[in-house]
Amino acid sequence: GRPAPSPIYTVPISPTRPAIPHGFYCALRANQRGGQSTRRAQERDTTAMAEGKLLLRSFVEVPRDSHFPIQNLPFGVFRRRGQPEGPPRPATAIGDFALDLAAVSAAGLFDGPLLSASPCFHQETLNMFLGLGRPAWKEARATLQKILSADEPVLRDNEALRKNCLVPMSDVEMLLPITVGDYTDFFCSVHHARNCGFIFRGPQTPVNPNWFHLPVGYHGRASSVIISGTDIIRPRGQGHPTGSSQPYFGPSQKLDFELEMAAIVGPGNELGKPIDIADAEDHIFGLVVMNDWSARDIQAWETIPLGPFLGKSFSTSVSPWIVTLDALKPFACEAPKQEPEPLPYLAEKNHINYDIPLEAWIKPKEQSDASIVTKTNFKHM
């Protein structure tokens, strides 16, 4: 049957503190700045990883500043550049190459019990693969790290297979990796909540009391989720200038961006059967960077009483590569303490977050240089 669409959930990031520099090892060092017990645990984890996966090397040459070492291996979907009618192909990224997973599968290299007979990598999206769940995700990652490692000859020493599977990034066009079945935007950052509340409601009650007790979110428009790099059409709608009694209709004069992270959810659940908080992580495949484009003048006029509508639903850009939670494990850190403590059904046993530096730059059309406007870190969520 047709694979079910994957939902996408987002959390807004607010610029609160300067982020550490980008880089795998910088993030590990930053994680070790906690208290004594945290440092000891992280030192044990770091030692264990250093003895294994962190020292893993690929036969594919990976530039030192690459985002795609063998420790990452994100998942995406591509089409060969210059072939607009060509079929989309699931892939992973290694150095300056996209590894064609359909070609890898056709060669019989996915030989594990969960993927050997599955057609999931011969689809035009990752939905079927995501629907298989975490055991299959782990099997795929382990297989890819094995066949790409410097000591494994199966791909390294087969020139014809290597040329068929490894496609230069310069020759690919990245596509939306999933069919988005649902999209929920969560209001997670207290700094973001306070700033927005101050703008829309004033200083008296910038954050509603319920925000401190439950996940506040709204459903976005799944059909408006687009791949990064897609042109944005300035939306038209109603605005209501301060001091004016009459609204107007026209192009938004306050087009804005939001630096966010989005969680891509896999298997999901049956209607009426909630997922226990202890099992929630098993349903999260990975993360992408997201830009929740916003028309602030339209949003401000329409948002009362039921929240944003057209001001937030015209375009939502996501990055093309999904970084898995397994790849993010070396960046795990303690999450901020929640005050007050949540009700038991929302209380996590392992309260962790990820140390991910985030930046946003803006380059006006008439200028050659970009300027940084936001620096933050996902660990503050």
Protein backbone atom coordinates (compact mmCIF):
# COMPACT_ATOMS: atom_id res chain seq x y z
CA GLY A 1 0.00 0.00 0.00
CA ARG A 2 0.89 3.67 -0.17
CA PRO A 3 3.10 4.77 2.74
CA ALA A 4 1.45 7.11 5.21
CA PRO A 5 2.59 10.74 5.12
CA SER A 6 4.96 11.79 7.88
CA PRO A 7 4.04 14.57 10.28
CA ILE A 8 6.48 17.36 10.99
CA TYR A 9 6.63 19.15 14.33
CA THR A 10 8.50 22.38 15.02
CA VAL A 11 9.90 24.28 17.94
CA PRO A 12 10.80 27.97 17.73
CA ILE A 13 14.31 29.08 18.68
CA SER A 14 14.76 32.45 20.34
CA PRO A 15 18.05 34.40 20.24
CA THR A 16 19.08 34.25 23.88
CA ARG A 17 22.83 33.74 24.21
CA PRO A 18 25.78 33.62 21.82
CA ALA A 19 26.33 30.14 20.43
CA ILE A 20 29.60 28.25 20.43
CA PRO A 21 31.38 28.02 17.08
CA HIS A 22 30.17 25.44 14.60
CA GLY A 23 31.99 22.13 14.67
CA PHE A 24 31.73 18.58 15.91
CA TYR A 25 34.46 18.82 18.51
CA CYS A 26 33.48 22.29 19.69
CA ALA A 27 30.08 20.90 20.59
CA LEU A 28 31.63 18.04 22.55
CA ARG A 29 33.82 20.45 24.49
CA ALA A 30 30.87 22.69 25.23
CA ASN A 31 28.97 19.72 26.65
CA GLN A 32 31.73 19.20 29.21
CA ARG A 33 31.22 22.57 30.91
CA GLY A 34 28.49 21.34 33.25
CA GLY A 35 28.69 20.31 36.89
CA GLN A 36 31.07 17.67 38.23
CA SER A 37 28.67 14.71 37.87
CA THR A 38 27.65 15.83 34.40
CA ARG A 39 31.28 16.17 33.35
CA ARG A 40 32.14 12.69 34.66
CA ALA A 41 29.25 11.10 32.77
CA GLN A 42 30.14 12.96 29.61
CA GLU A 43 33.81 12.01 29.92
CA ARG A 44 32.79 8.34 30.14
CA ASP A 45 30.50 8.73 27.13
CA THR A 46 33.15 10.60 25.17
CA THR A 47 35.77 7.94 25.94
CA ALA A 48 33.44 5.17 24.80
CA MET A 49 32.60 6.98 21.59
CA ALA A 50 36.25 7.81 20.92
CA GLU A 51 37.01 4.09 21.05
CA GLY A 52 34.34 3.41 18.44
CA LYS A 53 32.29 5.52 16.09
CA LEU A 54 34.07 8.86 16.55
CA LEU A 55 37.26 7.31 15.19
CA LEU A 56 35.49 5.69 12.24
CA ARG A 57 36.89 6.82 8.88
CA SER A 58 35.43 6.53 5.39
CA PHE A 59 37.19 5.58 2.16
CA VAL A 60 35.34 8.57 0.66
CA GLU A 61 37.46 11.68 1.07
CA VAL A 62 35.67 14.04 3.45
CA PRO A 63 36.91 17.66 3.64
CA ARG A 64 37.87 18.74 7.15
CA ASP A 65 35.13 21.40 7.26
CA SER A 66 32.44 19.12 5.80
CA HIS A 67 29.08 18.75 7.54
CA PHE A 68 28.86 15.17 6.29
CA PRO A 69 31.46 12.87 7.88
CA ILE A 70 30.70 9.19 8.32
CA GLN A 71 29.50 9.97 11.86
CA ASN A 72 26.58 12.02 10.46
CA LEU A 73 24.97 10.23 7.48
CA PRO A 74 21.75 12.25 7.23
CA PHE A 75 18.90 11.16 4.96
CA GLY A 76 17.37 13.07 2.07
CA VAL A 77 15.92 12.74 -1.44
CA PHE A 78 17.57 13.97 -4.64
CA ARG A 79 17.17 14.07 -8.38
CA ARG A 80 20.09 14.23 -10.80
CA ARG A 81 20.55 17.82 -11.93
CA GLY A 82 19.41 18.46 -15.49
CA GLN A 83 16.92 15.58 -15.38
CA PRO A 84 13.60 17.24 -14.39
CA GLU A 85 11.67 14.09 -15.28
CA GLY A 86 14.13 11.80 -13.51
CA PRO A 87 12.87 9.81 -10.52
CA PRO A 88 13.58 11.14 -7.00
CA ARG A 89 16.05 8.91 -5.14
CA PRO A 90 16.54 8.46 -1.37
CA ALA A 91 20.11 9.20 -0.33
CA THR A 92 22.54 9.83 2.46
CA ALA A 93 25.33 12.41 2.42
CA ILE A 94 29.02 11.57 2.75
CA GLY A 95 31.58 14.31 2.14
CA ASP A 96 30.87 15.94 -1.22
CA PHE A 97 28.73 13.04 -2.45
CA ALA A 98 25.16 11.82 -2.22
CA LEU A 99 25.02 8.05 -1.78
CA ASP A 100 22.11 6.72 -3.87
CA LEU A 101 20.24 4.36 -1.52
CA ALA A 102 18.18 2.87 -4.34
CA ALA A 103 21.42 1.80 -6.04
CA VAL A 104 22.80 0.49 -2.74
CA SER A 105 19.61 -1.50 -2.19
CA ALA A 106 19.59 -2.85 -5.76
CA ALA A 107 23.15 -4.11 -5.22
CA GLY A 108 21.94 -6.15 -2.24
CA LEU A 109 24.03 -4.23 0.30
CA PHE A 110 21.12 -3.73 2.70
CA ASP A 111 21.28 -7.36 3.82
CA GLY A 112 19.88 -7.04 7.35
CA PRO A 113 16.65 -8.76 8.47
CA LEU A 114 14.51 -5.60 8.32
CA LEU A 115 15.69 -3.98 5.08
CA SER A 116 16.82 -6.83 2.82
CA ALA A 117 13.30 -7.45 1.49
CA SER A 118 11.93 -3.92 1.88
CA PRO A 119 11.33 -1.64 -1.13
CA CYS A 120 11.58 1.46 1.09
CA PHE A 121 14.62 2.88 -0.73
CA HIS A 122 12.98 2.47 -4.12
CA GLN A 123 10.32 5.07 -3.25
CA GLU A 124 10.22 8.77 -4.16
CA THR A 125 10.13 9.86 -0.50
CA LEU A 126 11.41 8.54 2.83
CA ASN A 127 7.91 7.91 4.22
CA MET A 128 7.96 4.12 3.87
CA PHE A 129 11.41 3.96 5.49
CA LEU A 130 10.29 6.18 8.37
CA GLY A 131 7.23 4.00 8.85
CA LEU A 132 9.43 0.97 9.60
CA GLY A 133 10.49 2.44 12.95
CA ARG A 134 13.68 2.79 14.95
CA PRO A 135 15.02 -0.79 14.59
CA ALA A 136 15.07 -0.35 10.79
CA TRP A 137 16.59 3.14 11.10
CA LYS A 138 19.40 1.73 13.24
CA GLU A 139 19.95 -1.15 10.82
CA ALA A 140 20.23 1.28 7.89
CA ARG A 141 22.71 3.50 9.72
CA ALA A 142 24.86 0.55 10.80
CA THR A 143 24.89 -0.83 7.24
CA LEU A 144 25.83 2.53 5.73
CA GLN A 145 28.64 3.11 8.23
CA LYS A 146 29.95 -0.37 7.45
CA ILE A 147 29.95 -0.13 3.64
CA LEU A 148 31.39 3.41 3.70
CA SER A 149 34.15 2.66 6.21
CA ALA A 150 37.77 2.70 5.12
CA ASP A 151 38.26 -0.99 5.98
CA GLU A 152 35.26 -2.34 4.02
CA PRO A 153 36.06 -3.34 0.40
CA VAL A 154 32.55 -4.07 -0.93
CA LEU A 155 32.02 -0.54 -2.25
CA ARG A 156 35.55 0.81 -1.94
CA ASP A 157 37.06 -1.73 -4.36
CA ASN A 158 34.19 -1.98 -6.86
CA GLU A 159 34.71 0.94 -9.23
CA ALA A 160 31.56 0.38 -11.31
CA LEU A 161 29.34 0.07 -8.23
CA ARG A 162 31.04 3.03 -6.59
CA LYS A 163 30.37 5.26 -9.63
CA ASN A 164 26.76 4.12 -9.73
CA CYS A 165 26.14 4.77 -6.03
CA LEU A 166 28.17 7.93 -5.29
CA VAL A 167 26.84 11.03 -7.04
CA PRO A 168 28.74 14.35 -6.70
CA MET A 169 26.73 16.94 -4.79
CA SER A 170 27.26 19.34 -7.69
CA ASP A 171 25.21 16.97 -9.86
CA VAL A 172 22.16 16.67 -7.58
CA GLU A 173 19.05 18.73 -6.92
CA MET A 174 17.70 18.22 -3.41
CA LEU A 175 13.96 17.64 -3.01
CA LEU A 176 11.53 17.60 -0.09
CA PRO A 177 12.49 14.33 1.65
CA ILE A 178 9.02 13.38 2.91
CA THR A 179 5.38 13.79 2.08
CA VAL A 180 4.21 15.90 5.01
CA GLY A 181 0.99 14.49 6.41
CA ASP A 182 0.67 16.88 9.34
CA TYR A 183 2.54 19.87 10.69
CA THR A 184 2.27 21.19 14.24
CA ASP A 185 4.12 24.28 15.43
CA PHE A 186 4.91 24.24 19.15
CA PHE A 187 5.46 27.37 21.23
CA CYS A 188 8.37 25.93 23.26
CA SER A 189 10.89 28.67 24.04
CA VAL A 190 10.05 30.82 27.05
CA HIS A 191 12.05 33.68 25.54
CA HIS A 192 10.11 33.44 22.29
CA ALA A 193 6.81 33.19 24.20
CA ARG A 194 7.60 36.29 26.28
CA ASN A 195 8.71 38.34 23.29
CA CYS A 196 5.64 37.41 21.23
CA GLY A 197 3.30 37.92 24.16
CA PHE A 198 4.75 41.35 24.82
CA ILE A 199 4.25 42.35 21.18
CA PHE A 200 0.71 41.01 20.80
CA ARG A 201 -0.71 41.35 24.35
CA GLY A 202 1.43 43.90 26.11
CA PRO A 203 3.62 43.68 29.24
CA GLN A 204 0.84 42.75 31.69
CA THR A 205 0.57 39.03 30.82
CA PRO A 206 3.13 38.27 28.12
CA VAL A 207 2.94 34.49 28.75
CA ASN A 208 -0.39 32.77 29.33
CA PRO A 209 -0.48 30.61 32.51
CA ASN A 210 -1.20 27.39 30.57
CA TRP A 211 2.12 27.72 28.71
CA PHE A 212 3.98 26.55 31.84
CA HIS A 213 1.95 23.33 32.11
CA LEU A 214 1.19 21.92 28.65
CA PRO A 215 2.57 21.86 25.09
CA VAL A 216 1.15 24.93 23.36
CA GLY A 217 0.95 24.46 19.61
CA TYR A 218 -1.16 25.00 16.53
CA HIS A 219 -1.60 23.12 13.28
CA GLY A 220 0.22 24.60 10.32
CA ARG A 221 -0.48 24.05 6.64
CA ALA A 222 1.29 20.84 5.62
CA SER A 223 1.00 21.65 1.92
CA SER A 224 3.04 24.84 2.36
CA VAL A 225 6.18 23.04 3.62
CA ILE A 226 8.85 23.49 0.93
CA ILE A 227 12.51 22.62 0.44
CA SER A 228 15.11 25.26 1.32
CA GLY A 229 15.97 27.45 -1.66
CA THR A 230 12.44 27.58 -3.08
CA ASP A 231 11.38 31.13 -4.00
CA ILE A 232 8.97 32.79 -1.56
CA ILE A 233 5.98 34.75 -2.85
CA ARG A 234 5.15 37.69 -0.61
CA PRO A 235 1.66 36.99 0.80
CA ARG A 236 -1.30 39.34 0.50
CA GLY A 237 -3.80 39.81 3.27
CA GLN A 238 -5.49 42.16 5.69
CA GLY A 239 -3.62 44.42 8.06
CA HIS A 240 -4.78 46.93 10.64
CA PRO A 241 -2.34 49.79 11.30
CA THR A 242 -2.16 51.18 14.83
CA GLY A 243 -4.45 54.18 15.19
CA SER A 244 -6.55 53.28 12.14
CA SER A 245 -10.18 52.22 12.37
CA GLN A 246 -10.25 50.44 9.02
CA PRO A 247 -8.24 47.43 7.85
CA TYR A 248 -6.51 47.33 4.48
CA PHE A 249 -5.72 44.58 1.96
CA GLY A 250 -2.39 44.26 0.17
CA PRO A 251 1.08 42.68 0.15
CA SER A 252 2.58 42.12 3.60
CA GLN A 253 4.85 44.96 4.69
CA LYS A 254 6.29 43.00 7.62
CA LEU A 255 7.60 39.75 6.16
CA ASP A 256 9.67 38.00 8.83
CA PHE A 257 11.57 34.75 9.43
CA GLU A 258 11.85 32.39 12.40
CA LEU A 259 14.88 30.21 13.03
CA GLU A 260 13.45 26.87 14.14
CA MET A 261 14.20 23.18 14.40
CA ALA A 262 11.69 20.62 13.14
CA ALA A 263 11.36 17.03 14.31
CA ILE A 264 10.43 14.49 11.64
CA VAL A 265 8.17 11.82 13.13
CA GLY A 266 8.11 8.26 11.83
CA PRO A 267 5.74 5.40 12.70
CA GLY A 268 3.10 7.46 14.50
CA ASN A 269 0.12 5.99 16.30
CA GLU A 270 -3.45 4.86 15.78
CA LEU A 271 -6.25 7.35 16.32
CA GLY A 272 -7.25 7.38 19.99
CA LYS A 273 -4.10 5.57 21.16
CA PRO A 274 -1.67 8.14 22.60
CA ILE A 275 2.07 7.52 22.73
CA ASP A 276 3.51 7.31 26.25
CA ILE A 277 6.05 10.04 27.00
CA ALA A 278 8.65 7.32 27.70
CA ASP A 279 8.24 6.02 24.13
CA ALA A 280 8.06 9.37 22.34
CA GLU A 281 11.74 9.47 21.34
CA ASP A 282 11.37 6.18 19.46
CA HIS A 283 9.00 7.94 17.05
CA ILE A 284 11.35 10.84 16.23
CA PHE A 285 13.48 10.03 13.20
CA GLY A 286 15.58 13.19 13.16
CA LEU A 287 15.80 16.97 12.93
CA VAL A 288 15.95 19.59 10.19
CA VAL A 289 16.47 23.34 10.29
CA MET A 290 13.28 25.22 9.51
CA ASN A 291 12.27 28.77 8.58
CA ASP A 292 8.67 29.47 9.53
CA TRP A 293 8.07 32.48 7.28
CA SER A 294 5.67 34.95 8.92
CA ALA A 295 3.71 37.98 7.74
CA ARG A 296 3.58 39.91 11.02
CA ASP A 297 1.08 42.57 9.95
CA ILE A 298 -1.38 39.94 8.71
CA GLN A 299 -0.71 37.77 11.76
CA ALA A 300 -1.29 40.60 14.25
CA TRP A 301 -4.74 41.43 12.81
CA GLU A 302 -6.04 37.87 12.42
CA THR A 303 -4.53 36.12 15.45
CA ILE A 304 -7.26 37.02 17.99
CA PRO A 305 -9.11 34.93 19.12
CA LEU A 306 -8.06 31.64 17.48
CA GLY A 307 -4.41 32.24 16.60
CA PRO A 308 -2.52 32.75 13.32
CA PHE A 309 -3.89 31.63 9.97
CA LEU A 310 -2.85 33.19 6.65
CA GLY A 311 0.01 35.12 8.23
CA LYS A 312 1.85 31.86 9.00
CA SER A 313 0.68 29.40 6.34
CA PHE A 314 2.03 30.69 3.01
CA SER A 315 5.52 29.08 3.09
CA THR A 316 7.61 27.04 5.53
CA SER A 317 11.15 26.16 4.41
CA VAL A 318 13.04 23.10 5.67
CA SER A 319 16.62 21.97 5.08
CA PRO A 320 17.02 18.99 2.73
CA TRP A 321 18.97 16.60 4.96
CA ILE A 322 17.38 14.97 8.03
CA VAL A 323 19.97 14.46 10.78
CA THR A 324 19.02 11.39 12.81
CA LEU A 325 18.83 11.29 16.60
CA ASP A 326 21.46 8.55 16.55
CA ALA A 327 23.87 10.95 14.82
CA LEU A 328 23.08 13.59 17.44
CA LYS A 329 23.85 11.39 20.45
CA PRO A 330 27.38 12.84 20.91
CA PHE A 331 25.75 16.26 21.30
CA ALA A 332 23.27 15.22 24.01
CA CYS A 333 23.21 17.50 27.04
CA GLU A 334 21.03 18.14 30.03
CA ALA A 335 17.85 20.07 29.19
CA PRO A 336 16.83 23.16 31.18
CA LYS A 337 14.80 22.31 34.28
CA GLN A 338 11.08 22.77 33.75
CA GLU A 339 9.34 24.98 36.32
CA PRO A 340 6.86 23.99 37.61
CA GLU A 341 7.28 20.27 37.14
CA PRO A 342 4.91 18.90 34.50
CA LEU A 343 2.03 16.57 35.27
CA PRO A 344 3.12 12.90 35.42
CA TYR A 345 1.93 12.06 31.90
CA LEU A 346 4.36 14.69 30.52
CA ALA A 347 7.27 13.98 32.90
CA GLU A 348 10.29 12.60 31.02
CA LYS A 349 12.57 10.16 32.80
CA ASN A 350 15.56 11.17 30.68
CA HIS A 351 15.43 14.94 30.38
CA ILE A 352 17.96 15.60 27.62
CA ASN A 353 18.43 18.09 24.82
CA TYR A 354 21.05 18.57 22.08
CA ASP A 355 23.90 21.05 21.90
CA ILE A 356 23.33 22.44 18.39
CA PRO A 357 24.69 25.92 17.56
CA LEU A 358 22.34 27.87 15.31
CA GLU A 359 22.85 31.07 13.33
CA ALA A 360 20.80 33.13 10.89
CA TRP A 361 22.34 35.48 8.33
CA ILE A 362 20.66 38.02 6.06
CA LYS A 363 22.08 39.23 2.74
CA PRO A 364 20.11 42.04 1.06
CA LYS A 365 19.79 41.69 -2.69
CA GLU A 366 21.93 44.76 -3.39
CA GLN A 367 24.77 43.70 -1.05
CA SER A 368 27.53 41.14 -1.54
CA ASP A 369 28.05 40.31 2.14
CA ALA A 370 25.67 38.71 4.62
CA SER A 371 25.23 39.91 8.21
CA ILE A 372 24.50 37.70 11.19
CA VAL A 373 21.24 38.58 12.94
CA THR A 374 20.70 35.62 15.28
CA LYS A 375 23.00 33.34 17.28
CA THR A 376 21.56 30.79 19.66
CA ASN A 377 21.67 27.13 20.65
CA PHE A 378 19.04 24.41 20.66
CA LYS A 379 20.16 23.33 24.15
CA HIS A 380 18.33 26.33 25.66
CA MET A 381 14.94 24.83 24.79
